[in-house]
All heavy atoms as atom14 arrays in JSON, in Angstrom:
{
  "sequence": "HIIDSKNGEWVWGVHADGSLMAHEDKVGIWKCPYHN",
  "atom14_mask": [
    [1, 1, 1, 1, 1, 1, 1, 1, 1, 1, 0, 0, 0, 0],
    [1, 1, 1, 1, 1, 1, 1, 1, 0, 0, 0, 0, 0, 0],
    [1, 1, 1, 1, 1, 1, 1, 1, 0, 0, 0, 0, 0, 0],
    [1, 1, 1, 1, 1, 1, 1, 1, 0, 0, 0, 0, 0, 0],
    [1, 1, 1, 1, 1, 1, 0, 0, 0, 0, 0, 0, 0, 0],
    [1, 1, 1, 1, 1, 1, 1, 1, 1, 0, 0, 0, 0, 0],
    [1, 1, 1, 1, 1, 1, 1, 1, 0, 0, 0, 0, 0, 0],
    [1, 1, 1, 1, 0, 0, 0, 0, 0, 0, 0, 0, 0, 0],
    [1, 1, 1, 1, 1, 1, 1, 1, 1, 0, 0, 0, 0, 0],
    [1, 1, 1, 1, 1, 1, 1, 1, 1, 1, 1, 1, 1, 1],
    [1, 1, 1, 1, 1, 1, 1, 0, 0, 0, 0, 0, 0, 0],
    [1, 1, 1, 1, 1, 1, 1, 1, 1, 1, 1, 1, 1, 1],
    [1, 1, 1, 1, 0, 0, 0, 0, 0, 0, 0, 0, 0, 0],
    [1, 1, 1, 1, 1, 1, 1, 0, 0, 0, 0, 0, 0, 0],
    [1, 1, 1, 1, 1, 1, 1, 1, 1, 1, 0, 0, 0, 0],
    [1, 1, 1, 1, 1, 0, 0, 0, 0, 0, 0, 0, 0, 0],
    [1, 1, 1, 1, 1, 1, 1, 1, 0, 0, 0, 0, 0, 0],
    [1, 1, 1, 1, 0, 0, 0, 0, 0, 0, 0, 0, 0, 0],
    [1, 1, 1, 1, 1, 1, 0, 0, 0, 0, 0, 0, 0, 0],
    [1, 1, 1, 1, 1, 1, 1, 1, 0, 0, 0, 0, 0, 0],
    [1, 1, 1, 1, 1, 1, 1, 1, 0, 0, 0, 0, 0, 0],
    [1, 1, 1, 1, 1, 0, 0, 0, 0, 0, 0, 0, 0, 0],
    [1, 1, 1, 1, 1, 1, 1, 1, 1, 1, 0, 0, 0, 0],
    [1, 1, 1, 1, 1, 1, 1, 1, 1, 0, 0, 0, 0, 0],
    [1, 1, 1, 1, 1, 1, 1, 1, 0, 0, 0, 0, 0, 0],
    [1, 1, 1, 1, 1, 1, 1, 1, 1, 0, 0, 0, 0, 0],
    [1, 1, 1, 1, 1, 1, 1, 0, 0, 0, 0, 0, 0, 0],
    [1, 1, 1, 1, 0, 0, 0, 0, 0, 0, 0, 0, 0, 0],
    [1, 1, 1, 1, 1, 1, 1, 1, 0, 0, 0, 0, 0, 0],
    [1, 1, 1, 1, 1, 1, 1, 1, 1, 1, 1, 1, 1, 1],
    [1, 1, 1, 1, 1, 1, 1, 1, 1, 0, 0, 0, 0, 0],
    [1, 1, 1, 1, 1, 1, 0, 0, 0, 0, 0, 0, 0, 0],
    [1, 1, 1, 1, 1, 1, 1, 0, 0, 0, 0, 0, 0, 0],
    [1, 1, 1, 1, 1, 1, 1, 1, 1, 1, 1, 1, 0, 0],
    [1, 1, 1, 1, 1, 1, 1, 1, 1, 1, 0, 0, 0, 0],
    [1, 1, 1, 1, 1, 1, 1, 1, 0, 0, 0, 0, 0, 0]
  ],
  "atom14_positions": [
    [[3.65, 8.5, 4.13], [3.68, 7.96, 2.73], [3.02, 6.59, 2.57], [2.72, 6.2, 1.39], [5.16, 7.77, 2.31], [5.92, 9.09, 2.33], [5.76, 10.02, 1.31], [6.86, 9.53, 3.2], [6.56, 11.01, 1.6], [7.2, 10.79, 2.73], [0.0, 0.0, 0.0], [0.0, 0.0, 0.0], [0.0, 0.0, 0.0], [0.0, 0.0, 0.0]],
    [[2.75, 5.8, 3.64], [2.3, 4.45, 3.5], [0.79, 4.3, 3.99], [0.02, 3.57, 3.39], [3.17, 3.51, 4.26], [4.6, 3.56, 3.71], [2.66, 2.1, 4.13], [4.8, 3.12, 2.27], [0.0, 0.0, 0.0], [0.0, 0.0, 0.0], [0.0, 0.0, 0.0], [0.0, 0.0, 0.0], [0.0, 0.0, 0.0], [0.0, 0.0, 0.0]],
    [[0.45, 4.96, 5.08], [-0.95, 4.9, 5.5], [-1.82, 5.63, 4.53], [-1.56, 6.8, 4.13], [-1.09, 5.51, 6.94], [-0.37, 4.63, 7.95], [-2.58, 5.66, 7.28], [-0.39, 5.19, 9.35], [0.0, 0.0, 0.0], [0.0, 0.0, 0.0], [0.0, 0.0, 0.0], [0.0, 0.0, 0.0], [0.0, 0.0, 0.0], [0.0, 0.0, 0.0]],
    [[-2.88, 4.96, 4.05], [-3.83, 5.56, 3.14], [-4.92, 6.29, 3.95], [-5.91, 5.67, 4.37], [-4.4, 4.48, 2.22], [-5.28, 5.08, 1.12], [-5.68, 6.22, 1.22], [-5.55, 4.3, 0.15], [0.0, 0.0, 0.0], [0.0, 0.0, 0.0], [0.0, 0.0, 0.0], [0.0, 0.0, 0.0], [0.0, 0.0, 0.0], [0.0, 0.0, 0.0]],
    [[-4.75, 7.52, 4.16], [-5.72, 8.31, 5.0], [-7.11, 8.48, 4.31], [-8.08, 8.74, 4.98], [-5.14, 9.71, 5.34], [-4.82, 10.46, 4.11], [0.0, 0.0, 0.0], [0.0, 0.0, 0.0], [0.0, 0.0, 0.0], [0.0, 0.0, 0.0], [0.0, 0.0, 0.0], [0.0, 0.0, 0.0], [0.0, 0.0, 0.0], [0.0, 0.0, 0.0]],
    [[-7.14, 8.25, 2.99], [-8.38, 8.39, 2.29], [-9.2, 7.1, 2.22], [-10.37, 7.06, 2.56], [-8.1, 8.91, 0.86], [-9.43, 9.07, 0.03], [-9.08, 9.53, -1.42], [-10.36, 9.56, -2.25], [-10.06, 9.99, -3.67], [0.0, 0.0, 0.0], [0.0, 0.0, 0.0], [0.0, 0.0, 0.0], [0.0, 0.0, 0.0], [0.0, 0.0, 0.0]],
    [[-8.5, 6.04, 1.79], [-9.2, 4.78, 1.56], [-8.98, 3.71, 2.62], [-9.52, 2.58, 2.55], [-8.78, 4.19, 0.21], [-9.31, 5.09, -0.95], [-10.41, 5.53, -0.94], [-8.45, 5.3, -1.92], [0.0, 0.0, 0.0], [0.0, 0.0, 0.0], [0.0, 0.0, 0.0], [0.0, 0.0, 0.0], [0.0, 0.0, 0.0], [0.0, 0.0, 0.0]],
    [[-8.06, 4.01, 3.53], [-7.85, 3.06, 4.66], [-6.7, 2.09, 4.46], [-6.23, 1.97, 3.32], [0.0, 0.0, 0.0], [0.0, 0.0, 0.0], [0.0, 0.0, 0.0], [0.0, 0.0, 0.0], [0.0, 0.0, 0.0], [0.0, 0.0, 0.0], [0.0, 0.0, 0.0], [0.0, 0.0, 0.0], [0.0, 0.0, 0.0], [0.0, 0.0, 0.0]],
    [[-6.23, 1.48, 5.5], [-5.15, 0.5, 5.49], [-3.85, 1.13, 5.06], [-3.68, 2.36, 5.1], [-5.51, -0.71, 4.64], [-5.49, -2.07, 5.45], [-4.12, -2.71, 5.58], [-3.09, -2.19, 5.07], [-4.02, -3.81, 6.29], [0.0, 0.0, 0.0], [0.0, 0.0, 0.0], [0.0, 0.0, 0.0], [0.0, 0.0, 0.0], [0.0, 0.0, 0.0]],
    [[-2.88, 0.34, 4.74], [-1.57, 0.79, 4.24], [-1.48, 0.47, 2.8], [-1.87, -0.63, 2.3], [-0.39, 0.14, 4.99], [-0.33, 0.46, 6.44], [-1.33, 0.99, 7.26], [0.83, 0.31, 7.29], [-0.86, 1.14, 8.55], [0.44, 0.68, 8.58], [2.07, -0.2, 7.1], [1.35, 0.69, 9.68], [2.97, -0.24, 8.17], [2.59, 0.22, 9.43]],
    [[-0.86, 1.34, 2.01], [-0.59, 1.03, 0.59], [0.52, 0.05, 0.5], [1.27, -0.17, 1.42], [-0.31, 2.32, -0.23], [-1.49, 3.31, -0.18], [1.0, 2.97, 0.18], [0.0, 0.0, 0.0], [0.0, 0.0, 0.0], [0.0, 0.0, 0.0], [0.0, 0.0, 0.0], [0.0, 0.0, 0.0], [0.0, 0.0, 0.0], [0.0, 0.0, 0.0]],
    [[0.61, -0.56, -0.69], [1.79, -1.51, -0.91], [3.07, -0.84, -0.72], [4.0, -1.39, -0.11], [1.61, -2.11, -2.31], [2.64, -3.14, -2.61], [4.0, -2.94, -2.91], [2.42, -4.57, -2.66], [4.6, -4.17, -3.11], [3.62, -5.21, -2.99], [1.29, -5.41, -2.47], [3.8, -6.54, -3.11], [1.45, -6.74, -2.59], [2.69, -7.35, -2.86]],
    [[3.22, 0.35, -1.33], [4.47, 1.02, -1.22], [4.6, 2.18, -2.17], [3.62, 2.55, -2.85], [0.0, 0.0, 0.0], [0.0, 0.0, 0.0], [0.0, 0.0, 0.0], [0.0, 0.0, 0.0], [0.0, 0.0, 0.0], [0.0, 0.0, 0.0], [0.0, 0.0, 0.0], [0.0, 0.0, 0.0], [0.0, 0.0, 0.0], [0.0, 0.0, 0.0]],
    [[5.74, 2.79, -2.21], [5.99, 3.95, -3.11], [7.26, 3.72, -3.92], [8.16, 3.0, -3.51], [6.14, 5.26, -2.33], [4.78, 5.66, -1.62], [7.24, 5.2, -1.26], [0.0, 0.0, 0.0], [0.0, 0.0, 0.0], [0.0, 0.0, 0.0], [0.0, 0.0, 0.0], [0.0, 0.0, 0.0], [0.0, 0.0, 0.0], [0.0, 0.0, 0.0]],
    [[7.27, 4.32, -5.11], [8.42, 4.27, -6.0], [9.53, 5.19, -5.46], [9.35, 5.95, -4.51], [8.02, 4.66, -7.42], [7.08, 3.67, -8.09], [7.43, 2.43, -8.49], [5.74, 3.78, -8.38], [6.43, 1.82, -9.02], [5.33, 2.61, -8.95], [0.0, 0.0, 0.0], [0.0, 0.0, 0.0], [0.0, 0.0, 0.0], [0.0, 0.0, 0.0]],
    [[10.64, 5.14, -6.2], [11.78, 5.99, -5.78], [11.42, 7.49, -5.78], [11.98, 8.23, -4.97], [12.93, 5.73, -6.79], [0.0, 0.0, 0.0], [0.0, 0.0, 0.0], [0.0, 0.0, 0.0], [0.0, 0.0, 0.0], [0.0, 0.0, 0.0], [0.0, 0.0, 0.0], [0.0, 0.0, 0.0], [0.0, 0.0, 0.0], [0.0, 0.0, 0.0]],
    [[10.53, 7.89, -6.62], [10.13, 9.32, -6.65], [9.03, 9.62, -5.67], [8.47, 10.72, -5.62], [9.74, 9.7, -8.08], [8.5, 8.98, -8.56], [7.98, 8.1, -7.84], [8.09, 9.21, -9.74], [0.0, 0.0, 0.0], [0.0, 0.0, 0.0], [0.0, 0.0, 0.0], [0.0, 0.0, 0.0], [0.0, 0.0, 0.0], [0.0, 0.0, 0.0]],
    [[8.62, 8.66, -4.89], [7.61, 8.87, -3.88], [6.16, 8.62, -4.34], [5.21, 8.72, -3.58], [0.0, 0.0, 0.0], [0.0, 0.0, 0.0], [0.0, 0.0, 0.0], [0.0, 0.0, 0.0], [0.0, 0.0, 0.0], [0.0, 0.0, 0.0], [0.0, 0.0, 0.0], [0.0, 0.0, 0.0], [0.0, 0.0, 0.0], [0.0, 0.0, 0.0]],
    [[6.05, 8.3, -5.63], [4.67, 8.05, -6.15], [4.21, 6.65, -5.73], [4.95, 5.74, -5.56], [4.64, 8.16, -7.69], [5.56, 7.18, -8.25], [0.0, 0.0, 0.0], [0.0, 0.0, 0.0], [0.0, 0.0, 0.0], [0.0, 0.0, 0.0], [0.0, 0.0, 0.0], [0.0, 0.0, 0.0], [0.0, 0.0, 0.0], [0.0, 0.0, 0.0]],
    [[2.85, 6.54, -5.7], [2.2, 5.28, -5.25], [2.49, 4.15, -6.2], [2.39, 4.32, -7.45], [0.74, 5.53, -5.17], [-0.2, 4.35, -4.84], [0.1, 3.87, -3.39], [-1.64, 4.67, -5.04], [0.0, 0.0, 0.0], [0.0, 0.0, 0.0], [0.0, 0.0, 0.0], [0.0, 0.0, 0.0], [0.0, 0.0, 0.0], [0.0, 0.0, 0.0]],
    [[2.73, 2.98, -5.68], [2.82, 1.75, -6.53], [1.39, 1.29, -6.77], [0.91, 0.29, -6.15], [3.66, 0.66, -5.81], [5.08, 1.14, -5.59], [6.05, -0.01, -4.61], [6.27, -1.4, -5.77], [0.0, 0.0, 0.0], [0.0, 0.0, 0.0], [0.0, 0.0, 0.0], [0.0, 0.0, 0.0], [0.0, 0.0, 0.0], [0.0, 0.0, 0.0]],
    [[0.69, 2.02, -7.58], [-0.79, 1.84, -7.73], [-1.2, 0.57, -8.4], [-2.37, 0.13, -8.23], [-1.34, 3.03, -8.55], [0.0, 0.0, 0.0], [0.0, 0.0, 0.0], [0.0, 0.0, 0.0], [0.0, 0.0, 0.0], [0.0, 0.0, 0.0], [0.0, 0.0, 0.0], [0.0, 0.0, 0.0], [0.0, 0.0, 0.0], [0.0, 0.0, 0.0]],
    [[-0.25, -0.12, -9.1], [-0.61, -1.39, -9.74], [-0.68, -2.54, -8.75], [-1.15, -3.61, -9.07], [0.39, -1.71, -10.78], [1.75, -1.86, -10.32], [2.49, -0.84, -9.85], [2.53, -3.04, -10.21], [3.69, -1.31, -9.41], [3.75, -2.58, -9.67], [0.0, 0.0, 0.0], [0.0, 0.0, 0.0], [0.0, 0.0, 0.0], [0.0, 0.0, 0.0]],
    [[-0.16, -2.32, -7.51], [-0.18, -3.39, -6.58], [-1.49, -3.43, -5.72], [-2.28, -2.54, -5.8], [1.02, -3.16, -5.54], [2.39, -3.14, -6.23], [2.87, -4.53, -6.66], [2.08, -5.55, -6.45], [3.97, -4.68, -7.24], [0.0, 0.0, 0.0], [0.0, 0.0, 0.0], [0.0, 0.0, 0.0], [0.0, 0.0, 0.0], [0.0, 0.0, 0.0]],
    [[-1.59, -4.49, -4.95], [-2.86, -4.73, -4.22], [-2.95, -3.95, -2.94], [-1.92, -3.7, -2.28], [-3.0, -6.22, -3.9], [-3.12, -7.11, -5.11], [-3.61, -6.66, -6.13], [-2.75, -8.29, -5.01], [0.0, 0.0, 0.0], [0.0, 0.0, 0.0], [0.0, 0.0, 0.0], [0.0, 0.0, 0.0], [0.0, 0.0, 0.0], [0.0, 0.0, 0.0]],
    [[-4.13, -3.62, -2.52], [-4.44, -3.2, -1.12], [-4.74, -4.46, -0.31], [-4.35, -4.59, 0.87], [-5.56, -2.22, -1.06], [-6.0, -1.8, 0.31], [-5.01, -0.88, 1.02], [-4.91, 0.47, 0.41], [-6.1, 1.33, 0.61], [0.0, 0.0, 0.0], [0.0, 0.0, 0.0], [0.0, 0.0, 0.0], [0.0, 0.0, 0.0], [0.0, 0.0, 0.0]],
    [[-5.4, -5.41, -0.94], [-5.67, -6.74, -0.36], [-5.33, -7.77, -1.49], [-5.69, -7.54, -2.64], [-7.13, -6.9, 0.02], [-7.52, -8.34, 0.34], [-7.47, -6.01, 1.17], [0.0, 0.0, 0.0], [0.0, 0.0, 0.0], [0.0, 0.0, 0.0], [0.0, 0.0, 0.0], [0.0, 0.0, 0.0], [0.0, 0.0, 0.0], [0.0, 0.0, 0.0]],
    [[-4.63, -8.81, -1.14], [-4.32, -9.85, -2.16], [-3.62, -11.03, -1.62], [-3.5, -11.2, -0.41], [0.0, 0.0, 0.0], [0.0, 0.0, 0.0], [0.0, 0.0, 0.0], [0.0, 0.0, 0.0], [0.0, 0.0, 0.0], [0.0, 0.0, 0.0], [0.0, 0.0, 0.0], [0.0, 0.0, 0.0], [0.0, 0.0, 0.0], [0.0, 0.0, 0.0]],
    [[-3.12, -11.82, -2.56], [-2.33, -13.04, -2.15], [-1.27, -12.73, -1.12], [-1.09, -13.48, -0.2], [-1.74, -13.69, -3.4], [-2.81, -14.31, -4.31], [-0.69, -14.76, -3.01], [-3.41, -15.65, -3.77], [0.0, 0.0, 0.0], [0.0, 0.0, 0.0], [0.0, 0.0, 0.0], [0.0, 0.0, 0.0], [0.0, 0.0, 0.0], [0.0, 0.0, 0.0]],
    [[-0.64, -11.57, -1.3], [0.5, -11.18, -0.42], [0.16, -10.01, 0.48], [0.83, -9.82, 1.5], [1.77, -10.84, -1.24], [2.36, -12.08, -1.92], [2.24, -12.39, -3.23], [3.02, -13.11, -1.3], [2.91, -13.55, -3.44], [3.39, -14.05, -2.26], [3.4, -13.37, 0.03], [4.1, -15.23, -2.0], [4.13, -14.52, 0.3], [4.44, -15.44, -0.68]],
    [[-0.82, -9.28, 0.15], [-1.1, -8.01, 0.93], [-2.16, -8.35, 1.97], [-3.34, -8.48, 1.71], [-1.58, -6.92, -0.03], [-1.83, -5.56, 0.65], [-0.5, -5.03, 1.27], [-0.61, -3.49, 1.62], [-1.74, -3.3, 2.51], [0.0, 0.0, 0.0], [0.0, 0.0, 0.0], [0.0, 0.0, 0.0], [0.0, 0.0, 0.0], [0.0, 0.0, 0.0]],
    [[-1.67, -8.46, 3.18], [-2.5, -9.0, 4.29], [-2.31, -8.14, 5.56], [-1.34, -7.4, 5.63], [-2.03, -10.45, 4.61], [-1.64, -11.46, 3.15], [0.0, 0.0, 0.0], [0.0, 0.0, 0.0], [0.0, 0.0, 0.0], [0.0, 0.0, 0.0], [0.0, 0.0, 0.0], [0.0, 0.0, 0.0], [0.0, 0.0, 0.0], [0.0, 0.0, 0.0]],
    [[-3.16, -8.32, 6.54], [-3.04, -7.56, 7.81], [-2.12, -8.25, 8.82], [-2.49, -8.48, 9.96], [-4.47, -7.56, 8.34], [-5.0, -8.9, 7.9], [-4.36, -9.2, 6.59], [0.0, 0.0, 0.0], [0.0, 0.0, 0.0], [0.0, 0.0, 0.0], [0.0, 0.0, 0.0], [0.0, 0.0, 0.0], [0.0, 0.0, 0.0], [0.0, 0.0, 0.0]],
    [[-0.92, -8.55, 8.34], [0.05, -9.29, 9.18], [1.21, -8.43, 9.64], [1.36, -8.21, 10.84], [0.45, -10.54, 8.38], [1.74, -11.17, 8.78], [1.97, -11.81, 9.96], [2.81, -11.14, 7.82], [3.16, -12.43, 10.32], [4.03, -11.74, 8.13], [4.23, -12.36, 9.39], [5.41, -12.92, 9.66], [0.0, 0.0, 0.0], [0.0, 0.0, 0.0]],
    [[2.02, -7.99, 8.67], [3.16, -7.22, 9.05], [2.8, -5.98, 9.82], [3.4, -5.68, 10.89], [3.97, -6.81, 7.81], [4.65, -7.95, 7.12], [5.79, -8.59, 7.59], [4.31, -8.64, 5.96], [6.14, -9.54, 6.79], [5.25, -9.61, 5.76], [0.0, 0.0, 0.0], [0.0, 0.0, 0.0], [0.0, 0.0, 0.0], [0.0, 0.0, 0.0]],
    [[1.83, -5.27, 9.38], [1.53, -3.97, 10.0], [0.78, -4.19, 11.35], [1.07, -3.49, 12.34], [0.75, -3.03, 9.09], [-0.47, -3.59, 8.39], [-0.8, -4.75, 8.68], [-1.09, -2.79, 7.58], [0.0, 0.0, 0.0], [0.0, 0.0, 0.0], [0.0, 0.0, 0.0], [0.0, 0.0, 0.0], [0.0, 0.0, 0.0], [0.0, 0.0, 0.0]]
  ]
}
């Protein structure tokens, strides 16, 4: 659910129904290559 096999890296997350939190960043102020 989190690894983006098409576009790379990890997505921000998923909603309760499993859909992508598409409005969030792949790279941004908070989305960084740190936690993963």
